[in-house]
Amino acid sequence: MHKYERIIYWSDADQKFLVEVPELSGCMADGATAAEALENVEVVISEWIETAKELGREIPEAKGKLMYA
């Protein structure tokens, strides 16, 4: 499991759970259930990192929780 922060929420427009990874620009996934969306985002994070490496782009270091309430 990657250590990047994930934000998960329900989308009425998509009728699915969405998961965003704020530290990886444009990295997100969806799923019919919250658990499925979280599983899917692990694959997407791996693919995001692999693509960034292939393109010679910087891969942000995971910082954990980005905001405090």
PDB file of N, CA and C in Angstrom:
ATOM      1  N   MET A   1       0.838  -1.181   0.000  1.00  0.00           N
ATOM      2  CA  MET A   1       0.000   0.000   0.000  1.00  0.00           C
ATOM      3  C   MET A   1       0.882   1.243   0.000  1.00  0.00           C
ATOM      4  N   HIS A   2       0.543   2.170  -0.858  1.00  0.00           N
ATOM      5  CA  HIS A   2       1.267   3.431  -0.946  1.00  0.00           C
ATOM      6  C   HIS A   2       0.875   4.342   0.218  1.00  0.00           C
ATOM      7  N   LYS A   3       1.749   5.254   0.574  1.00  0.00           N
ATOM      8  CA  LYS A   3       1.544   6.080   1.764  1.00  0.00           C
ATOM      9  C   LYS A   3       0.976   7.464   1.455  1.00  0.00           C
ATOM     10  N   TYR A   4       0.471   7.665   0.266  1.00  0.00           N
ATOM     11  CA  TYR A   4      -0.103   8.965  -0.092  1.00  0.00           C
ATOM     12  C   TYR A   4      -1.487   9.133   0.534  1.00  0.00           C
ATOM     13  N   GLU A   5      -1.803  10.374   0.878  1.00  0.00           N
ATOM     14  CA  GLU A   5      -3.128  10.673   1.412  1.00  0.00           C
ATOM     15  C   GLU A   5      -4.172  10.404   0.329  1.00  0.00           C
ATOM     16  N   ARG A   6      -5.325   9.909   0.742  1.00  0.00           N
ATOM     17  CA  ARG A   6      -6.445   9.666  -0.149  1.00  0.00           C
ATOM     18  C   ARG A   6      -7.676  10.383   0.398  1.00  0.00           C
ATOM     19  N   ILE A   7      -8.444  10.954  -0.484  1.00  0.00           N
ATOM     20  CA  ILE A   7      -9.709  11.575  -0.103  1.00  0.00           C
ATOM     21  C   ILE A   7     -10.804  10.790  -0.814  1.00  0.00           C
ATOM     22  N   ILE A   8     -11.723  10.225  -0.047  1.00  0.00           N
ATOM     23  CA  ILE A   8     -12.787   9.411  -0.627  1.00  0.00           C
ATOM     24  C   ILE A   8     -14.135  10.074  -0.349  1.00  0.00           C
ATOM     25  N   TYR A   9     -14.980  10.071  -1.376  1.00  0.00           N
ATOM     26  CA  TYR A   9     -16.301  10.677  -1.225  1.00  0.00           C
ATOM     27  C   TYR A   9     -17.265  10.079  -2.243  1.00  0.00           C
ATOM     28  N   TRP A  10     -18.550  10.238  -1.964  1.00  0.00           N
ATOM     29  CA  TRP A  10     -19.600   9.760  -2.855  1.00  0.00           C
ATOM     30  C   TRP A  10     -19.894  10.838  -3.893  1.00  0.00           C
ATOM     31  N   SER A  11     -20.063  10.429  -5.154  1.00  0.00           N
ATOM     32  CA  SER A  11     -20.420  11.349  -6.229  1.00  0.00           C
ATOM     33  C   SER A  11     -21.825  11.020  -6.716  1.00  0.00           C
ATOM     34  N   ASP A  12     -22.763  11.938  -6.477  1.00  0.00           N
ATOM     35  CA  ASP A  12     -24.126  11.738  -6.980  1.00  0.00           C
ATOM     36  C   ASP A  12     -24.141  11.717  -8.504  1.00  0.00           C
ATOM     37  N   ALA A  13     -23.313  12.555  -9.115  1.00  0.00           N
ATOM     38  CA  ALA A  13     -23.279  12.631 -10.586  1.00  0.00           C
ATOM     39  C   ALA A  13     -22.824  11.312 -11.200  1.00  0.00           C
ATOM     40  N   ASP A  14     -21.853  10.661 -10.566  1.00  0.00           N
ATOM     41  CA  ASP A  14     -21.316   9.404 -11.105  1.00  0.00           C
ATOM     42  C   ASP A  14     -21.968   8.165 -10.502  1.00  0.00           C
ATOM     43  N   GLN A  15     -22.663   8.357  -9.370  1.00  0.00           N
ATOM     44  CA  GLN A  15     -23.251   7.245  -8.631  1.00  0.00           C
ATOM     45  C   GLN A  15     -22.188   6.216  -8.258  1.00  0.00           C
ATOM     46  N   LYS A  16     -21.035   6.728  -7.834  1.00  0.00           N
ATOM     47  CA  LYS A  16     -19.902   5.899  -7.408  1.00  0.00           C
ATOM     48  C   LYS A  16     -19.130   6.628  -6.320  1.00  0.00           C
ATOM     49  N   PHE A  17     -18.298   5.866  -5.634  1.00  0.00           N
ATOM     50  CA  PHE A  17     -17.350   6.461  -4.717  1.00  0.00           C
ATOM     51  C   PHE A  17     -16.125   6.882  -5.524  1.00  0.00           C
ATOM     52  N   LEU A  18     -15.613   8.067  -5.248  1.00  0.00           N
ATOM     53  CA  LEU A  18     -14.400   8.562  -5.903  1.00  0.00           C
ATOM     54  C   LEU A  18     -13.298   8.689  -4.865  1.00  0.00           C
ATOM     55  N   VAL A  19     -12.067   8.426  -5.280  1.00  0.00           N
ATOM     56  CA  VAL A  19     -10.904   8.580  -4.423  1.00  0.00           C
ATOM     57  C   VAL A  19      -9.902   9.449  -5.164  1.00  0.00           C
ATOM     58  N   GLU A  20      -9.492  10.549  -4.537  1.00  0.00           N
ATOM     59  CA  GLU A  20      -8.475  11.429  -5.101  1.00  0.00           C
ATOM     60  C   GLU A  20      -7.198  11.296  -4.288  1.00  0.00           C
ATOM     61  N   VAL A  21      -6.061  11.458  -4.967  1.00  0.00           N
ATOM     62  CA  VAL A  21      -4.753  11.434  -4.321  1.00  0.00           C
ATOM     63  C   VAL A  21      -4.141  12.817  -4.567  1.00  0.00           C
ATOM     64  N   PRO A  22      -4.334  13.759  -3.632  1.00  0.00           N
ATOM     65  CA  PRO A  22      -3.946  15.154  -3.865  1.00  0.00           C
ATOM     66  C   PRO A  22      -2.468  15.369  -4.200  1.00  0.00           C
ATOM     67  N   GLU A  23      -1.589  14.537  -3.684  1.00  0.00           N
ATOM     68  CA  GLU A  23      -0.158  14.738  -3.917  1.00  0.00           C
ATOM     69  C   GLU A  23       0.281  14.307  -5.312  1.00  0.00           C
ATOM     70  N   LEU A  24      -0.568  13.550  -6.011  1.00  0.00           N
ATOM     71  CA  LEU A  24      -0.251  13.080  -7.363  1.00  0.00           C
ATOM     72  C   LEU A  24      -1.277  13.690  -8.319  1.00  0.00           C
ATOM     73  N   SER A  25      -0.887  14.725  -8.998  1.00  0.00           N
ATOM     74  CA  SER A  25      -1.790  15.494  -9.844  1.00  0.00           C
ATOM     75  C   SER A  25      -2.596  14.611 -10.801  1.00  0.00           C
ATOM     76  N   GLY A  26      -3.915  14.739 -10.718  1.00  0.00           N
ATOM     77  CA  GLY A  26      -4.805  14.002 -11.609  1.00  0.00           C
ATOM     78  C   GLY A  26      -5.020  12.550 -11.255  1.00  0.00           C
ATOM     79  N   CYS A  27      -4.457  12.099 -10.153  1.00  0.00           N
ATOM     80  CA  CYS A  27      -4.557  10.695  -9.759  1.00  0.00           C
ATOM     81  C   CYS A  27      -5.853  10.464  -8.986  1.00  0.00           C
ATOM     82  N   MET A  28      -6.737   9.670  -9.576  1.00  0.00           N
ATOM     83  CA  MET A  28      -7.991   9.344  -8.901  1.00  0.00           C
ATOM     84  C   MET A  28      -8.569   8.058  -9.463  1.00  0.00           C
ATOM     85  N   ALA A  29      -9.489   7.470  -8.724  1.00  0.00           N
ATOM     86  CA  ALA A  29     -10.143   6.230  -9.134  1.00  0.00           C
ATOM     87  C   ALA A  29     -11.565   6.236  -8.608  1.00  0.00           C
ATOM     88  N   ASP A  30     -12.364   5.284  -9.079  1.00  0.00           N
ATOM     89  CA  ASP A  30     -13.735   5.163  -8.594  1.00  0.00           C
ATOM     90  C   ASP A  30     -14.063   3.707  -8.319  1.00  0.00           C
ATOM     91  N   GLY A  31     -15.246   3.501  -7.735  1.00  0.00           N
ATOM     92  CA  GLY A  31     -15.707   2.154  -7.456  1.00  0.00           C
ATOM     93  C   GLY A  31     -17.142   2.182  -6.978  1.00  0.00           C
ATOM     94  N   ALA A  32     -17.812   1.052  -7.105  1.00  0.00           N
ATOM     95  CA  ALA A  32     -19.202   0.931  -6.661  1.00  0.00           C
ATOM     96  C   ALA A  32     -19.307   0.999  -5.142  1.00  0.00           C
ATOM     97  N   THR A  33     -18.252   0.570  -4.463  1.00  0.00           N
ATOM     98  CA  THR A  33     -18.201   0.639  -3.000  1.00  0.00           C
ATOM     99  C   THR A  33     -16.945   1.406  -2.611  1.00  0.00           C
ATOM    100  N   ALA A  34     -16.910   1.875  -1.365  1.00  0.00           N
ATOM    101  CA  ALA A  34     -15.723   2.577  -0.873  1.00  0.00           C
ATOM    102  C   ALA A  34     -14.501   1.659  -0.925  1.00  0.00           C
ATOM    103  N   ALA A  35     -14.686   0.406  -0.538  1.00  0.00           N
ATOM    104  CA  ALA A  35     -13.578  -0.551  -0.544  1.00  0.00           C
ATOM    105  C   ALA A  35     -13.060  -0.778  -1.966  1.00  0.00           C
ATOM    106  N   GLU A  36     -13.962  -0.898  -2.920  1.00  0.00           N
ATOM    107  CA  GLU A  36     -13.558  -1.100  -4.313  1.00  0.00           C
ATOM    108  C   GLU A  36     -12.793   0.123  -4.842  1.00  0.00           C
ATOM    109  N   ALA A  37     -13.262   1.306  -4.508  1.00  0.00           N
ATOM    110  CA  ALA A  37     -12.588   2.528  -4.946  1.00  0.00           C
ATOM    111  C   ALA A  37     -11.180   2.601  -4.365  1.00  0.00           C
ATOM    112  N   LEU A  38     -11.023   2.210  -3.104  1.00  0.00           N
ATOM    113  CA  LEU A  38      -9.699   2.218  -2.483  1.00  0.00           C
ATOM    114  C   LEU A  38      -8.776   1.169  -3.115  1.00  0.00           C
ATOM    115  N   GLU A  39      -9.308   0.027  -3.452  1.00  0.00           N
ATOM    116  CA  GLU A  39      -8.512  -0.999  -4.160  1.00  0.00           C
ATOM    117  C   GLU A  39      -8.068  -0.472  -5.524  1.00  0.00           C
ATOM    118  N   ASN A  40      -9.005   0.143  -6.234  1.00  0.00           N
ATOM    119  CA  ASN A  40      -8.707   0.650  -7.571  1.00  0.00           C
ATOM    120  C   ASN A  40      -7.653   1.748  -7.547  1.00  0.00           C
ATOM    121  N   VAL A  41      -7.694   2.597  -6.526  1.00  0.00           N
ATOM    122  CA  VAL A  41      -6.736   3.703  -6.490  1.00  0.00           C
ATOM    123  C   VAL A  41      -5.318   3.204  -6.256  1.00  0.00           C
ATOM    124  N   GLU A  42      -5.151   2.061  -5.608  1.00  0.00           N
ATOM    125  CA  GLU A  42      -3.804   1.505  -5.426  1.00  0.00           C
ATOM    126  C   GLU A  42      -3.180   1.187  -6.785  1.00  0.00           C
ATOM    127  N   VAL A  43      -3.979   0.627  -7.678  1.00  0.00           N
ATOM    128  CA  VAL A  43      -3.493   0.315  -9.029  1.00  0.00           C
ATOM    129  C   VAL A  43      -3.154   1.611  -9.764  1.00  0.00           C
ATOM    130  N   VAL A  44      -4.022   2.600  -9.645  1.00  0.00           N
ATOM    131  CA  VAL A  44      -3.820   3.868 -10.341  1.00  0.00           C
ATOM    132  C   VAL A  44      -2.574   4.589  -9.813  1.00  0.00           C
ATOM    133  N   ILE A  45      -2.348   4.547  -8.502  1.00  0.00           N
ATOM    134  CA  ILE A  45      -1.145   5.161  -7.933  1.00  0.00           C
ATOM    135  C   ILE A  45       0.102   4.491  -8.516  1.00  0.00           C
ATOM    136  N   SER A  46       0.115   3.179  -8.559  1.00  0.00           N
ATOM    137  CA  SER A  46       1.264   2.451  -9.123  1.00  0.00           C
ATOM    138  C   SER A  46       1.492   2.840 -10.579  1.00  0.00           C
ATOM    139  N   GLU A  47       0.413   2.936 -11.341  1.00  0.00           N
ATOM    140  CA  GLU A  47       0.532   3.313 -12.747  1.00  0.00           C
ATOM    141  C   GLU A  47       0.998   4.761 -12.884  1.00  0.00           C
ATOM    142  N   TRP A  48       0.526   5.649 -12.011  1.00  0.00           N
ATOM    143  CA  TRP A  48       0.938   7.053 -12.037  1.00  0.00           C
ATOM    144  C   TRP A  48       2.442   7.139 -11.815  1.00  0.00           C
ATOM    145  N   ILE A  49       2.933   6.434 -10.811  1.00  0.00           N
ATOM    146  CA  ILE A  49       4.365   6.456 -10.485  1.00  0.00           C
ATOM    147  C   ILE A  49       5.185   5.859 -11.633  1.00  0.00           C
ATOM    148  N   GLU A  50       4.735   4.752 -12.186  1.00  0.00           N
ATOM    149  CA  GLU A  50       5.439   4.098 -13.295  1.00  0.00           C
ATOM    150  C   GLU A  50       5.545   5.037 -14.496  1.00  0.00           C
ATOM    151  N   THR A  51       4.439   5.707 -14.825  1.00  0.00           N
ATOM    152  CA  THR A  51       4.430   6.634 -15.954  1.00  0.00           C
ATOM    153  C   THR A  51       5.362   7.821 -15.689  1.00  0.00           C
ATOM    154  N   ALA A  52       5.323   8.356 -14.473  1.00  0.00           N
ATOM    155  CA  ALA A  52       6.205   9.478 -14.130  1.00  0.00           C
ATOM    156  C   ALA A  52       7.673   9.080 -14.284  1.00  0.00           C
ATOM    157  N   LYS A  53       8.027   7.879 -13.849  1.00  0.00           N
ATOM    158  CA  LYS A  53       9.406   7.388 -13.994  1.00  0.00           C
ATOM    159  C   LYS A  53       9.787   7.296 -15.469  1.00  0.00           C
ATOM    160  N   GLU A  54       8.884   6.736 -16.280  1.00  0.00           N
ATOM    161  CA  GLU A  54       9.158   6.584 -17.713  1.00  0.00           C
ATOM    162  C   GLU A  54       9.367   7.935 -18.393  1.00  0.00           C
ATOM    163  N   LEU A  55       8.643   8.951 -17.939  1.00  0.00           N
ATOM    164  CA  LEU A  55       8.738  10.283 -18.532  1.00  0.00           C
ATOM    165  C   LEU A  55       9.817  11.141 -17.882  1.00  0.00           C
ATOM    166  N   GLY A  56      10.481  10.605 -16.868  1.00  0.00           N
ATOM    167  CA  GLY A  56      11.528  11.351 -16.176  1.00  0.00           C
ATOM    168  C   GLY A  56      11.003  12.474 -15.302  1.00  0.00           C
ATOM    169  N   ARG A  57       9.771  12.345 -14.859  1.00  0.00           N
ATOM    170  CA  ARG A  57       9.159  13.378 -14.010  1.00  0.00           C
ATOM    171  C   ARG A  57       9.422  13.091 -12.539  1.00  0.00           C
ATOM    172  N   GLU A  58       9.367  14.144 -11.762  1.00  0.00           N
ATOM    173  CA  GLU A  58       9.578  14.021 -10.316  1.00  0.00           C
ATOM    174  C   GLU A  58       8.389  13.295  -9.682  1.00  0.00           C
ATOM    175  N   ILE A  59       8.700  12.420  -8.747  1.00  0.00           N
ATOM    176  CA  ILE A  59       7.662  11.701  -8.010  1.00  0.00           C
ATOM    177  C   ILE A  59       7.630  12.291  -6.606  1.00  0.00           C
ATOM    178  N   PRO A  60       6.511  12.940  -6.242  1.00  0.00           N
ATOM    179  CA  PRO A  60       6.431  13.561  -4.921  1.00  0.00           C
ATOM    180  C   PRO A  60       6.588  12.541  -3.798  1.00  0.00           C
ATOM    181  N   GLU A  61       7.251  12.963  -2.750  1.00  0.00           N
ATOM    182  CA  GLU A  61       7.375  12.120  -1.571  1.00  0.00           C
ATOM    183  C   GLU A  61       6.062  12.186  -0.798  1.00  0.00           C
ATOM    184  N   ALA A  62       5.599  11.057  -0.303  1.00  0.00           N
ATOM    185  CA  ALA A  62       4.338  11.023   0.459  1.00  0.00           C
ATOM    186  C   ALA A  62       4.529  11.783   1.759  1.00  0.00           C
ATOM    187  N   LYS A  63       3.602  12.715   2.013  1.00  0.00           N
ATOM    188  CA  LYS A  63       3.696  13.533   3.222  1.00  0.00           C
ATOM    189  C   LYS A  63       2.667  13.141   4.275  1.00  0.00           C
ATOM    190  N   GLY A  64       1.765  12.243   3.924  1.00  0.00           N
ATOM    191  CA  GLY A  64       0.727  11.871   4.887  1.00  0.00           C
ATOM    192  C   GLY A  64      -0.388  12.897   4.901  1.00  0.00           C
ATOM    193  N   LYS A  65      -0.964  13.121   6.036  1.00  0.00           N
ATOM    194  CA  LYS A  65      -2.091  14.029   6.176  1.00  0.00           C
ATOM    195  C   LYS A  65      -1.662  15.439   5.791  1.00  0.00           C
ATOM    196  N   LEU A  66      -2.412  16.052   4.869  1.00  0.00           N
ATOM    197  CA  LEU A  66      -2.024  17.351   4.334  1.00  0.00           C
ATOM    198  C   LEU A  66      -2.660  18.528   5.052  1.00  0.00           C
ATOM    199  N   MET A  67      -3.808  18.328   5.695  1.00  0.00           N
ATOM    200  CA  MET A  67      -4.502  19.425   6.364  1.00  0.00           C
ATOM    201  C   MET A  67      -4.961  18.974   7.734  1.00  0.00           C
ATOM    202  N   TYR A  68      -5.113  19.926   8.577  1.00  0.00           N
ATOM    203  CA  TYR A  68      -5.613  19.643   9.933  1.00  0.00           C
ATOM    204  C   TYR A  68      -6.888  20.428  10.161  1.00  0.00           C
ATOM    205  N   ALA A  69      -7.837  19.829  10.859  1.00  0.00           N
ATOM    206  CA  ALA A  69      -9.116  20.481  11.134  1.00  0.00           C
ATOM    207  C   ALA A  69      -8.984  21.387  12.346  1.00  0.00           C
TER     208      ALA A  69
END
